[in-house]
PDB file of N, CA and C in Angstrom:
ATOM      1  N   MET A   1      38.041 -12.146  35.255  1.00  0.00           N
ATOM      2  CA  MET A   1      38.334 -10.754  35.589  1.00  0.00           C
ATOM      3  C   MET A   1      39.705 -10.347  35.045  1.00  0.00           C
ATOM      4  N   SER A   2      40.706 -11.203  35.183  1.00  0.00           N
ATOM      5  CA  SER A   2      42.045 -10.852  34.717  1.00  0.00           C
ATOM      6  C   SER A   2      42.092 -10.744  33.193  1.00  0.00           C
ATOM      7  N   LEU A   3      41.261 -11.496  32.488  1.00  0.00           N
ATOM      8  CA  LEU A   3      41.211 -11.385  31.031  1.00  0.00           C
ATOM      9  C   LEU A   3      40.650 -10.033  30.611  1.00  0.00           C
ATOM     10  N   GLN A   4      39.675  -9.534  31.354  1.00  0.00           N
ATOM     11  CA  GLN A   4      39.109  -8.216  31.058  1.00  0.00           C
ATOM     12  C   GLN A   4      40.146  -7.125  31.285  1.00  0.00           C
ATOM     13  N   ILE A   5      40.917  -7.283  32.360  1.00  0.00           N
ATOM     14  CA  ILE A   5      41.961  -6.291  32.664  1.00  0.00           C
ATOM     15  C   ILE A   5      43.009  -6.268  31.559  1.00  0.00           C
ATOM     16  N   GLU A   6      43.460  -7.441  31.131  1.00  0.00           N
ATOM     17  CA  GLU A   6      44.451  -7.517  30.059  1.00  0.00           C
ATOM     18  C   GLU A   6      43.900  -6.918  28.761  1.00  0.00           C
ATOM     19  N   ASP A   7      42.634  -7.198  28.469  1.00  0.00           N
ATOM     20  CA  ASP A   7      42.006  -6.665  27.270  1.00  0.00           C
ATOM     21  C   ASP A   7      41.943  -5.138  27.321  1.00  0.00           C
ATOM     22  N   LEU A   8      41.587  -4.593  28.473  1.00  0.00           N
ATOM     23  CA  LEU A   8      41.534  -3.137  28.626  1.00  0.00           C
ATOM     24  C   LEU A   8      42.919  -2.514  28.512  1.00  0.00           C
ATOM     25  N   ARG A   9      43.932  -3.165  29.045  1.00  0.00           N
ATOM     26  CA  ARG A   9      45.306  -2.645  28.937  1.00  0.00           C
ATOM     27  C   ARG A   9      45.759  -2.608  27.488  1.00  0.00           C
ATOM     28  N   LYS A  10      45.408  -3.648  26.727  1.00  0.00           N
ATOM     29  CA  LYS A  10      45.770  -3.676  25.306  1.00  0.00           C
ATOM     30  C   LYS A  10      45.059  -2.557  24.550  1.00  0.00           C
ATOM     31  N   LYS A  11      43.776  -2.358  24.846  1.00  0.00           N
ATOM     32  CA  LYS A  11      43.020  -1.285  24.194  1.00  0.00           C
ATOM     33  C   LYS A  11      43.600   0.080  24.538  1.00  0.00           C
ATOM     34  N   LYS A  12      43.998   0.250  25.809  1.00  0.00           N
ATOM     35  CA  LYS A  12      44.590   1.522  26.240  1.00  0.00           C
ATOM     36  C   LYS A  12      45.900   1.766  25.498  1.00  0.00           C
ATOM     37  N   SER A  13      46.723   0.738  25.415  1.00  0.00           N
ATOM     38  CA  SER A  13      48.004   0.861  24.731  1.00  0.00           C
ATOM     39  C   SER A  13      47.802   1.208  23.256  1.00  0.00           C
ATOM     40  N   ALA A  14      46.835   0.564  22.602  1.00  0.00           N
ATOM     41  CA  ALA A  14      46.561   0.844  21.194  1.00  0.00           C
ATOM     42  C   ALA A  14      46.057   2.275  21.016  1.00  0.00           C
ATOM     43  N   ALA A  15      45.186   2.732  21.917  1.00  0.00           N
ATOM     44  CA  ALA A  15      44.652   4.092  21.830  1.00  0.00           C
ATOM     45  C   ALA A  15      45.760   5.127  22.029  1.00  0.00           C
ATOM     46  N   GLU A  16      46.671   4.869  22.967  1.00  0.00           N
ATOM     47  CA  GLU A  16      47.788   5.794  23.180  1.00  0.00           C
ATOM     48  C   GLU A  16      48.675   5.866  21.947  1.00  0.00           C
ATOM     49  N   GLY A  17      48.920   4.710  21.312  1.00  0.00           N
ATOM     50  CA  GLY A  17      49.727   4.685  20.094  1.00  0.00           C
ATOM     51  C   GLY A  17      49.094   5.482  18.979  1.00  0.00           C
ATOM     52  N   GLU A  18      47.780   5.330  18.801  1.00  0.00           N
ATOM     53  CA  GLU A  18      47.068   6.101  17.775  1.00  0.00           C
ATOM     54  C   GLU A  18      47.151   7.595  18.063  1.00  0.00           C
ATOM     55  N   TYR A  19      47.006   7.950  19.325  1.00  0.00           N
ATOM     56  CA  TYR A  19      47.052   9.361  19.715  1.00  0.00           C
ATOM     57  C   TYR A  19      48.420   9.955  19.400  1.00  0.00           C
ATOM     58  N   ARG A  20      49.476   9.240  19.761  1.00  0.00           N
ATOM     59  CA  ARG A  20      50.829   9.751  19.510  1.00  0.00           C
ATOM     60  C   ARG A  20      51.102   9.876  18.019  1.00  0.00           C
ATOM     61  N   ASN A  21      50.625   8.921  17.249  1.00  0.00           N
ATOM     62  CA  ASN A  21      50.872   8.953  15.806  1.00  0.00           C
ATOM     63  C   ASN A  21      50.065  10.048  15.113  1.00  0.00           C
ATOM     64  N   SER A  22      48.956  10.460  15.683  1.00  0.00           N
ATOM     65  CA  SER A  22      48.127  11.485  15.048  1.00  0.00           C
ATOM     66  C   SER A  22      48.634  12.897  15.320  1.00  0.00           C
ATOM     67  N   MET A  23      49.487  13.068  16.327  1.00  0.00           N
ATOM     68  CA  MET A  23      49.982  14.399  16.675  1.00  0.00           C
ATOM     69  C   MET A  23      51.334  14.651  16.017  1.00  0.00           C
ATOM     70  N   PRO A  24      51.606  15.884  15.597  1.00  0.00           N
ATOM     71  CA  PRO A  24      52.946  16.203  15.093  1.00  0.00           C
ATOM     72  C   PRO A  24      53.977  16.061  16.210  1.00  0.00           C
ATOM     73  N   ALA A  25      55.183  15.709  15.849  1.00  0.00           N
ATOM     74  CA  ALA A  25      56.230  15.441  16.847  1.00  0.00           C
ATOM     75  C   ALA A  25      56.508  16.655  17.725  1.00  0.00           C
ATOM     76  N   SER A  26      56.440  17.856  17.163  1.00  0.00           N
ATOM     77  CA  SER A  26      56.796  19.053  17.923  1.00  0.00           C
ATOM     78  C   SER A  26      55.798  19.371  19.024  1.00  0.00           C
ATOM     79  N   SER A  27      54.556  18.934  18.894  1.00  0.00           N
ATOM     80  CA  SER A  27      53.552  19.340  19.871  1.00  0.00           C
ATOM     81  C   SER A  27      53.580  18.506  21.141  1.00  0.00           C
ATOM     82  N   TYR A  28      54.110  17.298  21.089  1.00  0.00           N
ATOM     83  CA  TYR A  28      54.131  16.524  22.326  1.00  0.00           C
ATOM     84  C   TYR A  28      55.520  16.365  22.913  1.00  0.00           C
ATOM     85  N   GLN A  29      56.525  16.904  22.265  1.00  0.00           N
ATOM     86  CA  GLN A  29      57.852  16.898  22.860  1.00  0.00           C
ATOM     87  C   GLN A  29      57.949  18.064  23.817  1.00  0.00           C
ATOM     88  N   GLN A  30      58.651  17.826  24.917  1.00  0.00           N
ATOM     89  CA  GLN A  30      58.756  18.884  25.923  1.00  0.00           C
ATOM     90  C   GLN A  30      59.703  19.966  25.427  1.00  0.00           C
ATOM     91  N   GLN A  31      59.267  21.216  25.580  1.00  0.00           N
ATOM     92  CA  GLN A  31      60.067  22.346  25.135  1.00  0.00           C
ATOM     93  C   GLN A  31      61.173  22.622  26.148  1.00  0.00           C
ATOM     94  N   LYS A  32      62.340  23.011  25.653  1.00  0.00           N
ATOM     95  CA  LYS A  32      63.464  23.359  26.524  1.00  0.00           C
ATOM     96  C   LYS A  32      63.232  24.764  27.056  1.00  0.00           C
ATOM     97  N   LEU A  33      63.188  24.906  28.375  1.00  0.00           N
ATOM     98  CA  LEU A  33      62.891  26.197  28.997  1.00  0.00           C
ATOM     99  C   LEU A  33      63.974  26.581  29.981  1.00  0.00           C
ATOM    100  N   ARG A  34      64.068  27.865  30.228  1.00  0.00           N
ATOM    101  CA  ARG A  34      64.924  28.388  31.300  1.00  0.00           C
ATOM    102  C   ARG A  34      64.086  29.396  32.077  1.00  0.00           C
ATOM    103  N   VAL A  35      64.543  29.741  33.260  1.00  0.00           N
ATOM    104  CA  VAL A  35      63.794  30.645  34.121  1.00  0.00           C
ATOM    105  C   VAL A  35      64.476  32.008  34.127  1.00  0.00           C
ATOM    106  N   CYS A  36      63.687  33.049  33.947  1.00  0.00           N
ATOM    107  CA  CYS A  36      64.201  34.420  34.018  1.00  0.00           C
ATOM    108  C   CYS A  36      64.611  34.688  35.465  1.00  0.00           C
ATOM    109  N   GLU A  37      65.819  35.166  35.676  1.00  0.00           N
ATOM    110  CA  GLU A  37      66.330  35.400  37.027  1.00  0.00           C
ATOM    111  C   GLU A  37      65.662  36.586  37.707  1.00  0.00           C
ATOM    112  N   VAL A  38      65.040  37.468  36.955  1.00  0.00           N
ATOM    113  CA  VAL A  38      64.402  38.645  37.532  1.00  0.00           C
ATOM    114  C   VAL A  38      62.971  38.351  37.966  1.00  0.00           C
ATOM    115  N   CYS A  39      62.177  37.778  37.049  1.00  0.00           N
ATOM    116  CA  CYS A  39      60.746  37.634  37.330  1.00  0.00           C
ATOM    117  C   CYS A  39      60.269  36.181  37.397  1.00  0.00           C
ATOM    118  N   SER A  40      61.163  35.238  37.223  1.00  0.00           N
ATOM    119  CA  SER A  40      60.875  33.799  37.307  1.00  0.00           C
ATOM    120  C   SER A  40      59.939  33.284  36.219  1.00  0.00           C
ATOM    121  N   ALA A  41      59.816  34.001  35.130  1.00  0.00           N
ATOM    122  CA  ALA A  41      59.010  33.524  33.999  1.00  0.00           C
ATOM    123  C   ALA A  41      59.802  32.481  33.229  1.00  0.00           C
ATOM    124  N   TYR A  42      59.100  31.551  32.593  1.00  0.00           N
ATOM    125  CA  TYR A  42      59.747  30.550  31.752  1.00  0.00           C
ATOM    126  C   TYR A  42      59.996  31.131  30.368  1.00  0.00           C
ATOM    127  N   LEU A  43      61.217  30.996  29.892  1.00  0.00           N
ATOM    128  CA  LEU A  43      61.594  31.462  28.564  1.00  0.00           C
ATOM    129  C   LEU A  43      62.139  30.279  27.777  1.00  0.00           C
ATOM    130  N   GLY A  44      61.744  30.157  26.532  1.00  0.00           N
ATOM    131  CA  GLY A  44      62.271  29.091  25.687  1.00  0.00           C
ATOM    132  C   GLY A  44      63.715  29.391  25.318  1.00  0.00           C
ATOM    133  N   ILE A  45      64.560  28.355  25.324  1.00  0.00           N
ATOM    134  CA  ILE A  45      65.970  28.599  25.003  1.00  0.00           C
ATOM    135  C   ILE A  45      66.164  28.877  23.517  1.00  0.00           C
ATOM    136  N   HIS A  46      65.168  28.541  22.694  1.00  0.00           N
ATOM    137  CA  HIS A  46      65.258  28.791  21.259  1.00  0.00           C
ATOM    138  C   HIS A  46      64.395  29.967  20.821  1.00  0.00           C
ATOM    139  N   ASP A  47      63.935  30.791  21.774  1.00  0.00           N
ATOM    140  CA  ASP A  47      63.114  31.953  21.423  1.00  0.00           C
ATOM    141  C   ASP A  47      63.919  32.939  20.584  1.00  0.00           C
ATOM    142  N   ASN A  48      63.246  33.587  19.657  1.00  0.00           N
ATOM    143  CA  ASN A  48      63.942  34.565  18.824  1.00  0.00           C
ATOM    144  C   ASN A  48      64.158  35.868  19.605  1.00  0.00           C
ATOM    145  N   ASP A  49      64.969  36.737  19.037  1.00  0.00           N
ATOM    146  CA  ASP A  49      65.330  37.988  19.716  1.00  0.00           C
ATOM    147  C   ASP A  49      64.123  38.886  19.963  1.00  0.00           C
ATOM    148  N   ARG A  50      63.193  38.891  19.046  1.00  0.00           N
ATOM    149  CA  ARG A  50      61.998  39.733  19.196  1.00  0.00           C
ATOM    150  C   ARG A  50      61.184  39.307  20.419  1.00  0.00           C
ATOM    151  N   ARG A  51      61.012  38.003  20.574  1.00  0.00           N
ATOM    152  CA  ARG A  51      60.247  37.485  21.713  1.00  0.00           C
ATOM    153  C   ARG A  51      60.957  37.795  23.034  1.00  0.00           C
ATOM    154  N   LEU A  52      62.274  37.650  23.063  1.00  0.00           N
ATOM    155  CA  LEU A  52      63.031  37.972  24.279  1.00  0.00           C
ATOM    156  C   LEU A  52      62.961  39.461  24.583  1.00  0.00           C
ATOM    157  N   ALA A  53      63.046  40.296  23.557  1.00  0.00           N
ATOM    158  CA  ALA A  53      62.947  41.744  23.763  1.00  0.00           C
ATOM    159  C   ALA A  53      61.574  42.100  24.318  1.00  0.00           C
ATOM    160  N   ASP A  54      60.523  41.441  23.808  1.00  0.00           N
ATOM    161  CA  ASP A  54      59.174  41.683  24.327  1.00  0.00           C
ATOM    162  C   ASP A  54      59.084  41.290  25.800  1.00  0.00           C
ATOM    163  N   HIS A  55      59.747  40.188  26.177  1.00  0.00           N
ATOM    164  CA  HIS A  55      59.710  39.770  27.579  1.00  0.00           C
ATOM    165  C   HIS A  55      60.425  40.794  28.464  1.00  0.00           C
ATOM    166  N   PHE A  56      61.658  41.155  28.086  1.00  0.00           N
ATOM    167  CA  PHE A  56      62.457  42.048  28.928  1.00  0.00           C
ATOM    168  C   PHE A  56      61.883  43.456  28.993  1.00  0.00           C
ATOM    169  N   GLY A  57      61.064  43.840  28.043  1.00  0.00           N
ATOM    170  CA  GLY A  57      60.405  45.147  28.070  1.00  0.00           C
ATOM    171  C   GLY A  57      58.988  45.073  28.610  1.00  0.00           C
ATOM    172  N   GLY A  58      58.561  43.894  29.042  1.00  0.00           N
ATOM    173  CA  GLY A  58      57.195  43.711  29.505  1.00  0.00           C
ATOM    174  C   GLY A  58      56.950  44.279  30.891  1.00  0.00           C
ATOM    175  N   LYS A  59      55.658  44.480  31.212  1.00  0.00           N
ATOM    176  CA  LYS A  59      55.267  45.082  32.489  1.00  0.00           C
ATOM    177  C   LYS A  59      55.674  44.230  33.682  1.00  0.00           C
ATOM    178  N   LEU A  60      55.506  42.922  33.560  1.00  0.00           N
ATOM    179  CA  LEU A  60      55.828  42.035  34.685  1.00  0.00           C
ATOM    180  C   LEU A  60      57.320  42.075  35.001  1.00  0.00           C
ATOM    181  N   HIS A  61      58.145  41.947  33.979  1.00  0.00           N
ATOM    182  CA  HIS A  61      59.603  41.957  34.172  1.00  0.00           C
ATOM    183  C   HIS A  61      60.073  43.294  34.735  1.00  0.00           C
ATOM    184  N   LEU A  62      59.606  44.379  34.139  1.00  0.00           N
ATOM    185  CA  LEU A  62      60.014  45.712  34.609  1.00  0.00           C
ATOM    186  C   LEU A  62      59.474  45.993  36.014  1.00  0.00           C
ATOM    187  N   GLY A  63      58.284  45.483  36.306  1.00  0.00           N
ATOM    188  CA  GLY A  63      57.719  45.662  37.650  1.00  0.00           C
ATOM    189  C   GLY A  63      58.568  44.978  38.708  1.00  0.00           C
ATOM    190  N   PHE A  64      59.061  43.778  38.412  1.00  0.00           N
ATOM    191  CA  PHE A  64      59.926  43.087  39.368  1.00  0.00           C
ATOM    192  C   PHE A  64      61.226  43.847  39.582  1.00  0.00           C
ATOM    193  N   ILE A  65      61.751  44.453  38.527  1.00  0.00           N
ATOM    194  CA  ILE A  65      62.971  45.252  38.673  1.00  0.00           C
ATOM    195  C   ILE A  65      62.713  46.423  39.623  1.00  0.00           C
ATOM    196  N   LYS A  66      61.579  47.129  39.458  1.00  0.00           N
ATOM    197  CA  LYS A  66      61.247  48.259  40.333  1.00  0.00           C
ATOM    198  C   LYS A  66      61.065  47.804  41.777  1.00  0.00           C
ATOM    199  N   ILE A  67      60.407  46.680  41.963  1.00  0.00           N
ATOM    200  CA  ILE A  67      60.206  46.151  43.325  1.00  0.00           C
ATOM    201  C   ILE A  67      61.548  45.863  43.989  1.00  0.00           C
ATOM    202  N   ARG A  68      62.446  45.225  43.248  1.00  0.00           N
ATOM    203  CA  ARG A  68      63.764  44.898  43.826  1.00  0.00           C
ATOM    204  C   ARG A  68      64.576  46.153  44.132  1.00  0.00           C
ATOM    205  N   GLU A  69      64.477  47.160  43.271  1.00  0.00           N
ATOM    206  CA  GLU A  69      65.179  48.424  43.530  1.00  0.00           C
ATOM    207  C   GLU A  69      64.618  49.103  44.779  1.00  0.00           C
ATOM    208  N   LYS A  70      63.305  49.135  44.919  1.00  0.00           N
ATOM    209  CA  LYS A  70      62.666  49.753  46.085  1.00  0.00           C
ATOM    210  C   LYS A  70      63.039  49.005  47.356  1.00  0.00           C
ATOM    211  N   LEU A  71      63.077  47.664  47.287  1.00  0.00           N
ATOM    212  CA  LEU A  71      63.476  46.863  48.444  1.00  0.00           C
ATOM    213  C   LEU A  71      64.901  47.207  48.859  1.00  0.00           C
ATOM    214  N   ALA A  72      65.799  47.332  47.891  1.00  0.00           N
ATOM    215  CA  ALA A  72      67.186  47.680  48.205  1.00  0.00           C
ATOM    216  C   ALA A  72      67.258  49.066  48.851  1.00  0.00           C
ATOM    217  N   ASP A  73      66.485  50.024  48.341  1.00  0.00           N
ATOM    218  CA  ASP A  73      66.459  51.367  48.928  1.00  0.00           C
ATOM    219  C   ASP A  73      65.945  51.324  50.370  1.00  0.00           C
ATOM    220  N   LEU A  74      64.881  50.559  50.604  1.00  0.00           N
ATOM    221  CA  LEU A  74      64.325  50.450  51.958  1.00  0.00           C
ATOM    222  C   LEU A  74      65.309  49.782  52.924  1.00  0.00           C
ATOM    223  N   GLU A  75      66.012  48.774  52.444  1.00  0.00           N
ATOM    224  CA  GLU A  75      67.000  48.114  53.309  1.00  0.00           C
ATOM    225  C   GLU A  75      68.116  49.071  53.704  1.00  0.00           C
ATOM    226  N   VAL A  76      68.563  49.885  52.737  1.00  0.00           N
ATOM    227  CA  VAL A  76      69.609  50.875  53.037  1.00  0.00           C
ATOM    228  C   VAL A  76      69.070  51.913  54.011  1.00  0.00           C
ATOM    229  N   SER A  77      67.856  52.365  53.795  1.00  0.00           N
ATOM    230  CA  SER A  77      67.243  53.369  54.658  1.00  0.00           C
ATOM    231  C   SER A  77      67.080  52.854  56.084  1.00  0.00           C
ATOM    232  N   ILE A  78      66.620  51.634  56.212  1.00  0.00           N
ATOM    233  CA  ILE A  78      66.432  51.054  57.544  1.00  0.00           C
ATOM    234  C   ILE A  78      67.770  50.856  58.242  1.00  0.00           C
ATOM    235  N   ALA A  79      68.766  50.403  57.491  1.00  0.00           N
ATOM    236  CA  ALA A  79      70.092  50.179  58.083  1.00  0.00           C
ATOM    237  C   ALA A  79      70.717  51.495  58.532  1.00  0.00           C
ATOM    238  N   SER A  80      70.522  52.558  57.758  1.00  0.00           N
ATOM    239  CA  SER A  80      71.118  53.846  58.124  1.00  0.00           C
ATOM    240  C   SER A  80      70.400  54.493  59.307  1.00  0.00           C
ATOM    241  N   ASP A  81      69.114  54.183  59.502  1.00  0.00           N
ATOM    242  CA  ASP A  81      68.360  54.717  60.624  1.00  0.00           C
ATOM    243  C   ASP A  81      68.556  53.905  61.894  1.00  0.00           C
ATOM    244  N   GLY A  82      69.226  52.784  61.790  1.00  0.00           N
ATOM    245  CA  GLY A  82      69.451  51.941  62.966  1.00  0.00           C
ATOM    246  C   GLY A  82      68.196  51.189  63.400  1.00  0.00           C
ATOM    247  N   LEU A  83      67.263  51.018  62.516  1.00  0.00           N
ATOM    248  CA  LEU A  83      66.019  50.329  62.842  1.00  0.00           C
ATOM    249  C   LEU A  83      66.037  48.866  62.437  1.00  0.00           C
ATOM    250  N   ALA A  84      67.182  48.359  62.041  1.00  0.00           N
ATOM    251  CA  ALA A  84      67.266  46.996  61.583  1.00  0.00           C
ATOM    252  C   ALA A  84      66.926  46.015  62.677  1.00  0.00           C
ATOM    253  N   CYS A  85      66.228  45.006  62.349  1.00  0.00           N
ATOM    254  CA  CYS A  85      65.817  43.957  63.289  1.00  0.00           C
ATOM    255  C   CYS A  85      66.950  42.953  63.418  1.00  0.00           C
ATOM    256  N   THR A  86      67.499  42.801  64.622  1.00  0.00           N
ATOM    257  CA  THR A  86      68.629  41.894  64.807  1.00  0.00           C
ATOM    258  C   THR A  86      68.232  40.593  65.480  1.00  0.00           C
ATOM    259  N   SER A  87      67.054  40.525  66.083  1.00  0.00           N
ATOM    260  CA  SER A  87      66.618  39.288  66.727  1.00  0.00           C
ATOM    261  C   SER A  87      65.277  38.877  66.156  1.00  0.00           C
ATOM    262  N   ASN A  88      64.546  38.041  66.859  1.00  0.00           N
ATOM    263  CA  ASN A  88      63.235  37.571  66.370  1.00  0.00           C
ATOM    264  C   ASN A  88      62.248  38.728  66.293  1.00  0.00           C
ATOM    265  N   CYS A  89      61.867  39.104  65.086  1.00  0.00           N
ATOM    266  CA  CYS A  89      60.906  40.209  64.890  1.00  0.00           C
ATOM    267  C   CYS A  89      59.557  39.687  64.544  1.00  0.00           C
TER     268      CYS A  89
END
């Protein structure tokens, strides 16, 4: 039984080596990413300006900006009306 296990491990190792050698280096290396502070989308740190402009002008990003602005307005409105929750709500 242990000989079969060792044989399978060797075959697995050889298959993984063939797989890695058949793929271009760029496709299996992990891309460097950062997170957009507004909408939490992943952005590549090497993205070109056009791609970044498309992201910042996109519906998802702009929608999060509107949501945050509306939340800030509601918080101010609630605070000015004295309806703020001060204990367990």
